[in-house]
Protein backbone atom coordinates (compact mmCIF):
# COMPACT_ATOMS: atom_id res chain seq x y z
CA MET A 1 105.68 130.67 72.38
CA SER A 2 106.86 127.36 73.88
CA LEU A 3 104.90 125.09 76.14
CA TYR A 4 106.76 122.72 78.41
CA ILE A 5 104.94 119.84 80.08
CA GLN A 6 106.34 118.05 83.09
CA PRO A 7 105.02 114.69 84.20
CA TYR A 8 103.20 114.74 87.51
CA PRO A 9 105.55 113.05 90.00
CA PHE A 10 102.90 111.43 92.12
CA ARG A 11 101.05 109.12 89.75
CA ARG A 12 98.15 107.69 91.76
CA THR A 13 94.69 107.18 90.50
CA ALA A 14 91.69 108.62 92.25
CA ARG A 15 90.39 105.09 93.00
CA ARG A 16 93.66 104.14 94.65
CA LEU A 17 93.68 107.30 96.77
CA ALA A 18 90.18 106.65 97.91
CA ALA A 19 91.03 103.10 98.85
CA GLU A 20 94.09 104.17 100.80
CA ALA A 21 92.04 106.83 102.67
CA GLN A 22 89.44 104.19 103.76
CA ILE A 23 91.48 101.19 104.90
CA ARG A 24 94.93 101.69 106.37
CA PRO A 25 97.45 98.99 107.29
CA LEU A 26 98.25 98.47 110.93
CA GLY A 27 101.93 98.51 111.83
CA VAL A 28 103.02 95.56 114.02
CA ASN A 29 106.05 93.98 115.67
CA VAL A 30 106.32 90.22 115.87
CA ARG A 31 108.93 88.31 117.79
CA GLU A 32 109.40 84.61 118.10
CA GLU A 33 109.89 82.76 121.36
CA ASP A 34 110.45 79.06 121.90
CA ASP A 35 106.79 78.17 122.29
CA ALA A 36 104.89 81.26 120.99
CA TYR A 37 104.86 84.34 118.76
CA VAL A 38 104.31 87.69 120.41
CA LEU A 39 102.63 90.39 118.32
CA SER A 40 102.46 94.04 119.34
CA ALA A 41 100.60 96.86 117.65
CA LEU A 42 99.83 100.47 118.51
CA VAL A 43 96.09 101.10 118.77
CA PRO A 44 95.77 104.41 120.63
CA GLY A 45 92.36 105.27 121.99
CA LEU A 46 90.79 101.92 121.05
CA LYS A 47 89.11 99.51 123.46
CA ALA A 48 88.78 95.70 123.24
CA GLU A 49 85.31 95.94 121.72
CA ASP A 50 86.62 98.15 118.89
CA LEU A 51 88.86 95.36 117.57
CA ASN A 52 88.14 92.12 115.74
CA ILE A 53 90.91 89.53 115.97
CA GLN A 54 90.73 86.20 114.12
CA VAL A 55 93.24 83.27 113.97
CA LEU A 56 93.02 80.48 111.38
CA GLU A 57 95.87 77.99 111.25
CA ASN A 58 98.90 80.29 110.82
CA VAL A 59 97.08 83.48 109.74
CA VAL A 60 96.29 86.26 112.17
CA SER A 61 93.84 89.07 111.17
CA ILE A 62 93.25 92.25 113.08
CA GLU A 63 90.53 94.68 112.11
CA GLY A 64 89.29 97.90 113.68
CA GLU A 65 88.13 101.40 113.18
CA TYR A 66 89.02 104.77 114.67
CA LYS A 67 85.94 106.83 115.25
CA SER A 68 86.23 110.31 113.73
CA GLU A 69 84.56 113.40 115.07
CA ASP A 70 82.64 115.66 112.71
CA ALA A 71 84.72 118.73 113.26
CA GLU A 72 87.01 120.87 111.20
CA TYR A 73 90.67 120.83 112.29
CA LEU A 74 93.52 123.09 111.35
CA LEU A 75 95.75 120.06 111.59
CA SER A 76 94.73 116.44 111.76
CA GLU A 77 97.44 113.81 112.27
CA LEU A 78 95.69 111.36 114.59
CA PRO A 79 94.56 108.06 113.00
CA ASN A 80 91.09 107.79 111.73
CA GLY A 81 89.09 105.38 109.59
CA SER A 82 89.28 101.60 109.26
CA PHE A 83 92.39 99.46 109.33
CA ARG A 84 93.07 95.82 108.64
CA ARG A 85 96.16 93.64 108.85
CA SER A 86 96.63 89.94 108.14
CA LEU A 87 99.87 88.12 108.81
CA ARG A 88 100.91 84.65 107.87
CA LEU A 89 103.22 83.26 110.55
CA PRO A 90 105.84 80.58 109.83
CA SER A 91 104.02 77.85 111.72
CA ASP A 92 100.52 76.84 112.88
CA ILE A 93 99.05 78.46 116.02
CA GLU A 94 96.85 77.00 118.80
CA ALA A 95 93.84 79.32 118.17
CA ASP A 96 91.96 78.31 121.31
CA GLN A 97 94.92 79.40 123.53
CA VAL A 98 95.60 82.83 122.01
CA GLN A 99 95.66 85.65 124.59
CA ALA A 100 95.06 89.33 123.80
CA LYS A 101 95.35 92.38 125.94
CA ILE A 102 95.37 96.15 125.55
CA ALA A 103 97.43 98.35 127.90
CA ASP A 104 98.29 102.00 127.38
CA GLY A 105 97.29 101.88 123.65
CA VAL A 106 99.38 98.84 122.85
CA LEU A 107 97.66 95.58 121.68
CA THR A 108 99.66 92.50 122.65
CA LEU A 109 98.81 89.07 121.27
CA ASN A 110 100.40 85.91 122.68
CA LEU A 111 100.05 83.29 119.89
CA PRO A 112 101.16 79.83 121.14
CA LYS A 113 102.65 77.60 118.47
CA ALA A 114 100.99 74.31 117.70
CA GLU A 115 102.61 71.28 119.37
CA SER A 116 103.93 70.04 116.06
CA ALA A 117 105.74 73.38 115.47
CA ARG A 118 107.50 73.54 118.83
CA PRO A 119 111.09 72.52 119.09
CA LYS A 120 111.72 69.10 120.66
CA LYS A 121 114.67 68.30 122.83
CA ILE A 122 116.20 64.90 122.16
CA GLN A 123 118.08 63.15 124.92
CA ILE A 124 121.24 61.33 123.86
CA SER A 125 121.91 58.07 125.64
CA VAL A 126 125.51 57.22 126.51
CA ASN A 127 126.48 53.51 126.21
């Protein structure tokens, strides 16, 4: 009698699986404008008080949690549990001028660049 052993193709430890189940990353889009960065993230079903947004120099951190219902589902694909995302942007941000809004499940952050990071237009004098 022969015994053939195949390696398990999904090599994840139990600790790593538990960590992934508890804290999920948040997908974001970031675009650069002349004087600011604009960050967008999908946060369906969350309100402003469900999110914690922090800005320090050029790092933006967004944390939150989807509340889960204690029910059994046949299929569960909606997000649940905690999420966290920290991004380091290319230049410093004016933290006191950051604007955040949620509309239709989309979080939008307007992150103004620090004055030193904004492009300067230099006038050329003609003699």
